[in-house]
Amino acid sequence: MSWRFQLLGKPLGGVTEGPVWDGEAIYISHIPSSRILRYDPDSGTISEARSDTNHTNGLAHDSRGNLYGCCSGGRAIVRFDADGGTTTVADRVDGIKLNTPNDLALDRRGRVWFTNPWNAGNIDPSEHEDLDNRSVLRADPAPDGGYSVSRVTFDTTMPNGILVSQDQQTLYVAESNSERLDLDRELRAYPINDDGSLGDYEVLHAFGKDASRVHRGIDGMCLDSEGNIVATAGWELGGPGPMIYVFSPAGRVIETHPVPCNRPTNCCFGGPDLSTLYVTSTDGHFYRAETDRIGWALFP
C-alpha cells in the first residue's frame, strides 16, 4: 500500500517534533515558539495546548497517560501536569547539568529513557556543554516522588530517537553521528538487563558514511503492533531522500515511503484504530497518512 501524505495546515516554520496520541488528539511540539499544539482529527482544528515550554522537543506518555517532554531550553526532562503546572523530572546526572535532552521513551516501570546530545540551536547561545559525553540516560522513579538519573550508554556520540520494545527487553537508539562524516549513522538495539543497564548493542541498520553522498540517519521513530520500527530518516542532500522506513525488529527494511518534505523529524500512529501515521519536519510540516499498519504505544 502506498502511503499518501496530507499536509494539515500551513507549515509553521522551524522544527515541529514529538507527535503523540492520547486517544482523542495528536500533540506536537513547535520548538521555536515553545508551544505544544493539539490536533483534533474529528474537527481538523489545531489549537495551542501549552505555551512557554522552553523549546521542548520530544514528547511521550507513560502507561498512566502522563505527558513528559524533553525541555531542551531548560536542559531537563519535565512532566506536563494536568493542572497546567510543569514538574522537573531530571536536570542533572552525577551532579552535572544535562546537555539538551532530545527524545524519550518510558517503560512499564515508569523509568524515563532519554537521549542527551548537544543541540546548540535549541538553547541560549550563552549556555555551554558541561558533560564530557553525549549519551543515553535513564531516570528511575524513587519512593519520595523524585528520580535518580544514570548514564546507560558509553559508546554514543549523538543519540537521537529512542524506543523501548513492547516486551521491555530492548532499547532501540538512533545514533545519528550528525557532526562527524567519518562515523556511520546507525539504528542500534541494546538488550535491557534486569538491573536497567544495557548490554552490547547490535547494529540493525547502517545508513552509510561516504562523504560524497552524505546520508541522514534516523531522527524519530515509533512502533507498530507487530513490533516493527517505523522511522523518519533521510534528507534532500543525499541518499534515497526523505523517507519513512519500516524496519523489522531484526533490522530488515520491510517498506519505505517517500515523504514530501526535506527532513522529516518524527512520527506516531493515531486515530480510532491507530492506523493513521502523523509526521513532523524541520520546516514545521505536520502530515497525516492512512496506512495498512496498526500502531502501538504504552498509552492509551
Protein backbone atom coordinates (compact mmCIF):
# COMPACT_ATOMS: atom_id res chain seq x y z
CA MET A 1 0.00 0.00 0.00
CA SER A 2 1.34 3.42 -0.96
CA TRP A 3 1.04 6.00 1.81
CA ARG A 4 -0.27 9.39 0.66
CA PHE A 5 0.71 12.25 2.95
CA GLN A 6 -1.79 15.04 3.55
CA LEU A 7 -0.49 18.38 4.88
CA LEU A 8 -2.51 19.51 7.89
CA GLY A 9 -2.42 23.29 7.83
CA LYS A 10 0.27 25.67 6.66
CA PRO A 11 3.91 24.78 7.56
CA LEU A 12 4.74 26.56 10.80
CA GLY A 13 8.36 27.37 10.02
CA GLY A 14 11.02 25.95 12.32
CA VAL A 15 11.06 22.44 13.69
CA THR A 16 7.93 20.51 14.62
CA GLU A 17 8.59 17.39 16.67
CA GLY A 18 7.41 14.84 19.20
CA PRO A 19 3.98 13.73 17.91
CA VAL A 20 1.98 11.67 20.43
CA TRP A 21 -1.61 10.39 20.50
CA ASP A 22 -3.66 10.48 23.71
CA GLY A 23 -6.75 8.62 22.49
CA GLU A 24 -8.53 11.74 21.27
CA ALA A 25 -5.95 14.07 19.72
CA ILE A 26 -2.39 14.38 18.48
CA TYR A 27 0.05 16.66 20.31
CA ILE A 28 3.18 18.05 18.65
CA SER A 29 5.99 20.35 19.75
CA HIS A 30 6.72 23.53 17.81
CA ILE A 31 10.22 24.05 19.16
CA PRO A 32 10.98 27.66 18.09
CA SER A 33 7.74 29.08 19.51
CA SER A 34 7.96 26.98 22.71
CA ARG A 35 4.46 25.61 22.23
CA ILE A 36 2.71 22.26 22.27
CA LEU A 37 -0.09 22.12 19.73
CA ARG A 38 -3.18 19.90 19.73
CA TYR A 39 -4.71 18.47 16.56
CA ASP A 40 -8.29 17.20 16.73
CA PRO A 41 -8.83 14.70 13.89
CA ASP A 42 -12.62 14.96 14.21
CA SER A 43 -12.79 18.72 13.61
CA GLY A 44 -9.46 19.13 11.81
CA THR A 45 -8.54 22.05 14.10
CA ILE A 46 -5.10 22.79 15.51
CA SER A 47 -5.02 24.70 18.80
CA GLU A 48 -2.46 25.64 21.42
CA ALA A 49 -2.33 23.15 24.30
CA ARG A 50 0.71 24.57 26.13
CA SER A 51 2.82 27.70 25.87
CA ASP A 52 6.18 28.69 27.35
CA THR A 53 7.59 25.16 27.04
CA ASN A 54 11.17 26.45 26.72
CA HIS A 55 11.95 24.74 23.41
CA THR A 56 10.57 21.35 24.37
CA ASN A 57 11.41 18.72 21.77
CA GLY A 58 10.36 15.05 22.14
CA LEU A 59 7.13 14.05 23.91
CA ALA A 60 5.97 10.74 25.37
CA HIS A 61 3.27 9.33 27.63
CA ASP A 62 3.75 6.93 30.49
CA SER A 63 1.37 4.00 30.98
CA ARG A 64 -0.99 6.21 33.02
CA GLY A 65 -1.24 8.90 30.38
CA ASN A 66 1.05 11.49 31.99
CA LEU A 67 2.84 13.57 29.34
CA TYR A 68 6.61 14.02 29.55
CA GLY A 69 8.86 16.19 27.40
CA CYS A 70 12.49 16.91 26.58
CA CYS A 71 12.86 20.55 27.60
CA SER A 72 15.91 21.48 25.54
CA GLY A 73 15.98 25.12 26.64
CA GLY A 74 15.75 24.15 30.29
CA ARG A 75 18.20 21.26 29.87
CA ALA A 76 15.75 18.96 31.62
CA ILE A 77 13.17 16.21 31.36
CA VAL A 78 9.81 17.54 32.52
CA ARG A 79 6.29 16.29 33.17
CA PHE A 80 3.37 18.41 32.00
CA ASP A 81 0.84 18.07 34.80
CA ALA A 82 -2.93 18.06 34.32
CA ASP A 83 -3.32 21.21 36.44
CA GLY A 84 -1.21 23.18 33.98
CA GLY A 85 1.97 23.01 36.00
CA THR A 86 5.31 21.57 34.93
CA THR A 87 7.42 19.27 37.11
CA THR A 88 11.15 18.79 36.56
CA VAL A 89 11.95 15.09 36.45
CA ALA A 90 15.67 15.30 35.72
CA ASP A 91 18.12 18.13 35.07
CA ARG A 92 21.43 16.62 36.18
CA VAL A 93 23.39 13.40 36.06
CA ASP A 94 26.16 12.77 38.60
CA GLY A 95 25.61 16.34 39.78
CA ILE A 96 26.34 17.85 36.33
CA LYS A 97 23.82 19.73 34.18
CA LEU A 98 22.28 17.79 31.32
CA ASN A 99 23.01 18.73 27.73
CA THR A 100 19.88 19.30 25.64
CA PRO A 101 17.57 16.27 26.00
CA ASN A 102 16.21 15.34 22.59
CA ASP A 103 13.86 12.35 22.69
CA LEU A 104 12.50 9.99 25.31
CA ALA A 105 10.62 6.76 25.94
CA LEU A 106 9.00 5.42 29.09
CA ASP A 107 8.68 1.80 30.16
CA ARG A 108 6.11 -0.07 32.24
CA ARG A 109 8.13 0.56 35.41
CA GLY A 110 7.89 4.32 34.97
CA ARG A 111 11.54 4.70 34.03
CA VAL A 112 12.34 7.51 31.60
CA TRP A 113 14.93 6.63 28.95
CA PHE A 114 16.21 9.68 27.07
CA THR A 115 18.87 10.81 24.65
CA ASN A 116 21.14 13.65 25.72
CA PRO A 117 23.02 15.09 22.72
CA TRP A 118 24.01 18.75 22.31
CA ASN A 119 21.72 20.82 20.09
CA ALA A 120 23.01 24.37 20.22
CA GLY A 121 20.12 25.69 18.14
CA ASN A 122 17.62 24.85 20.89
CA ILE A 123 19.38 26.71 23.69
CA ASP A 124 20.59 30.16 24.67
CA PRO A 125 23.96 30.92 22.98
CA SER A 126 25.48 31.74 26.37
CA GLU A 127 24.99 28.14 27.55
CA HIS A 128 27.83 25.65 27.28
CA GLU A 129 28.18 21.88 27.37
CA ASP A 130 29.14 20.72 30.87
CA LEU A 131 29.18 16.96 30.38
CA ASP A 132 32.05 15.27 28.55
CA ASN A 133 29.70 12.83 26.79
CA ARG A 134 26.54 12.65 24.70
CA SER A 135 24.77 9.58 25.92
CA VAL A 136 21.52 7.80 26.67
CA LEU A 137 20.39 8.33 30.26
CA ARG A 138 17.76 6.68 32.45
CA ALA A 139 15.69 8.40 35.14
CA ASP A 140 14.30 5.98 37.73
CA PRO A 141 11.33 6.97 39.91
CA ALA A 142 12.08 6.99 43.65
CA PRO A 143 9.69 6.35 46.57
CA ASP A 144 9.79 10.04 47.54
CA GLY A 145 8.45 11.09 44.12
CA GLY A 146 11.83 12.17 42.79
CA TYR A 147 14.05 10.48 40.23
CA SER A 148 17.61 9.21 40.15
CA VAL A 149 19.48 9.60 36.86
CA SER A 150 22.07 7.18 35.46
CA ARG A 151 24.15 7.07 32.31
CA VAL A 152 23.47 3.85 30.37
CA THR A 153 25.44 4.18 27.10
CA PHE A 154 29.17 4.73 26.83
CA ASP A 155 29.52 4.37 23.07
CA THR A 156 27.32 7.09 21.55
CA THR A 157 28.35 10.41 20.01
CA MET A 158 24.95 11.95 19.11
CA PRO A 159 21.99 9.76 20.12
CA ASN A 160 18.63 10.88 18.77
CA GLY A 161 15.39 8.86 18.56
CA ILE A 162 14.71 6.21 21.20
CA LEU A 163 12.17 3.42 21.81
CA VAL A 164 11.55 0.66 24.34
CA SER A 165 10.33 -2.56 22.70
CA GLN A 166 6.89 -3.95 23.51
CA ASP A 167 8.37 -6.77 25.63
CA GLN A 168 10.53 -4.21 27.50
CA GLN A 169 13.66 -6.24 26.67
CA THR A 170 15.26 -3.99 24.03
CA LEU A 171 16.17 -0.31 23.78
CA TYR A 172 16.29 0.99 20.22
CA VAL A 173 18.53 4.02 19.72
CA ALA A 174 19.14 6.12 16.63
CA GLU A 175 22.84 7.03 16.68
CA SER A 176 22.87 9.98 14.32
CA ASN A 177 26.59 10.94 14.46
CA SER A 178 25.35 14.14 12.88
CA GLU A 179 28.54 16.16 13.39
CA ARG A 180 31.01 13.56 12.06
CA LEU A 181 31.31 12.32 8.49
CA ASP A 182 33.73 9.55 9.50
CA LEU A 183 31.09 7.69 11.50
CA ASP A 184 28.08 5.78 10.28
CA ARG A 185 24.50 6.66 11.11
CA GLU A 186 23.03 3.60 12.81
CA LEU A 187 19.88 2.07 14.21
CA ARG A 188 21.03 0.17 17.29
CA ALA A 189 19.36 -2.41 19.53
CA TYR A 190 20.61 -2.64 23.13
CA PRO A 191 19.42 -5.51 25.35
CA ILE A 192 17.98 -4.19 28.62
CA ASN A 193 19.34 -6.09 31.61
CA ASP A 194 17.28 -6.79 34.73
CA ASP A 195 19.08 -4.06 36.67
CA GLY A 196 18.40 -1.43 33.97
CA SER A 197 21.90 -1.49 32.50
CA LEU A 198 22.37 -2.19 28.80
CA GLY A 199 24.20 -4.99 27.09
CA ASP A 200 26.31 -4.72 23.94
CA TYR A 201 24.36 -3.27 21.06
CA GLU A 202 23.60 -4.82 17.70
CA VAL A 203 23.56 -2.61 14.59
CA LEU A 204 20.21 -3.24 12.93
CA HIS A 205 20.81 -0.83 10.04
CA ALA A 206 23.63 1.44 8.90
CA PHE A 207 22.91 4.40 6.64
CA GLY A 208 26.39 4.99 5.23
CA LYS A 209 29.24 7.43 5.79
CA ASP A 210 30.53 8.22 2.28
CA ALA A 211 31.21 11.99 2.49
CA SER A 212 30.39 12.41 -1.21
CA ARG A 213 26.90 11.02 -0.61
CA VAL A 214 26.05 12.02 2.92
CA HIS A 215 23.12 10.18 4.46
CA ARG A 216 20.89 11.49 7.21
CA GLY A 217 20.05 8.68 9.57
CA ILE A 218 17.01 8.25 11.79
CA ASP A 219 15.62 11.21 13.68
CA GLY A 220 12.44 9.96 15.37
CA MET A 221 10.58 6.65 15.42
CA CYS A 222 7.61 4.72 16.78
CA LEU A 223 6.41 1.12 16.94
CA ASP A 224 3.63 -0.72 15.18
CA SER A 225 1.60 -3.52 16.75
CA GLU A 226 3.86 -6.19 15.26
CA GLY A 227 6.95 -4.72 16.93
CA ASN A 228 8.29 -3.15 13.75
CA ILE A 229 10.14 0.17 13.96
CA VAL A 230 8.65 2.99 11.89
CA ALA A 231 11.23 5.74 11.48
CA THR A 232 11.77 9.14 9.89
CA ALA A 233 15.09 9.46 8.08
CA GLY A 234 16.80 10.88 5.01
CA TRP A 235 17.04 14.33 3.52
CA GLU A 236 17.28 16.28 0.28
CA LEU A 237 21.10 16.34 0.21
CA GLY A 238 21.85 12.70 -0.47
CA GLY A 239 20.88 9.08 -0.24
CA PRO A 240 17.37 7.96 -1.20
CA GLY A 241 15.81 11.19 0.09
CA PRO A 242 13.29 11.99 2.85
CA MET A 243 11.63 8.75 3.85
CA ILE A 244 9.58 6.74 6.29
CA TYR A 245 11.29 3.40 6.87
CA VAL A 246 9.63 0.32 8.36
CA PHE A 247 12.21 -1.99 9.95
CA SER A 248 11.56 -5.42 11.38
CA PRO A 249 12.86 -5.98 14.93
CA ALA A 250 15.85 -7.71 13.32
CA GLY A 251 16.61 -4.65 11.17
CA ARG A 252 15.29 -5.78 7.80
CA VAL A 253 13.83 -2.95 5.73
CA ILE A 254 10.23 -4.02 5.12
CA GLU A 255 8.93 -0.87 3.45
CA THR A 256 9.91 2.67 2.53
CA HIS A 257 7.56 5.59 1.89
CA PRO A 258 8.80 8.93 0.47
CA VAL A 259 7.72 11.99 2.46
CA PRO A 260 7.05 15.34 0.68
CA CYS A 261 9.34 17.45 2.85
CA ASN A 262 13.09 17.94 3.07
CA ARG A 263 13.72 16.44 6.51
CA PRO A 264 11.07 14.52 8.45
CA THR A 265 11.71 14.61 12.19
CA ASN A 266 9.35 12.26 13.98
CA CYS A 267 6.19 10.18 13.69
CA CYS A 268 3.47 8.42 15.63
CA PHE A 269 0.31 6.45 14.98
CA GLY A 270 -3.08 7.81 15.97
CA GLY A 271 -6.77 7.76 15.17
CA PRO A 272 -9.53 5.45 16.46
CA ASP A 273 -7.86 2.32 15.10
CA LEU A 274 -4.26 3.61 15.34
CA SER A 275 -3.74 3.20 11.59
CA THR A 276 -3.04 6.85 10.73
CA LEU A 277 0.61 7.95 10.77
CA TYR A 278 1.39 11.55 11.74
CA VAL A 279 4.72 13.08 10.70
CA THR A 280 6.57 16.31 11.61
CA SER A 281 9.53 18.05 9.91
CA THR A 282 12.37 20.54 10.31
CA ASP A 283 10.36 23.12 8.35
CA GLY A 284 7.28 22.90 10.54
CA HIS A 285 5.21 20.50 8.46
CA PHE A 286 2.53 18.33 10.02
CA TYR A 287 1.30 15.45 7.87
CA ARG A 288 -1.05 12.53 8.15
CA ALA A 289 -1.18 9.37 6.06
CA GLU A 290 -3.60 6.46 6.14
CA THR A 291 -1.60 3.23 6.37
CA ASP A 292 -2.14 -0.50 6.37
CA ARG A 293 -0.41 -0.81 9.75
CA ILE A 294 -1.64 -0.53 13.33
CA GLY A 295 0.43 1.47 15.78
CA TRP A 296 1.44 0.61 19.32
CA ALA A 297 2.36 2.70 22.36
CA LEU A 298 2.21 2.32 26.17
CA PHE A 299 -0.72 4.75 26.27
CA PRO A 300 -3.59 4.75 25.54
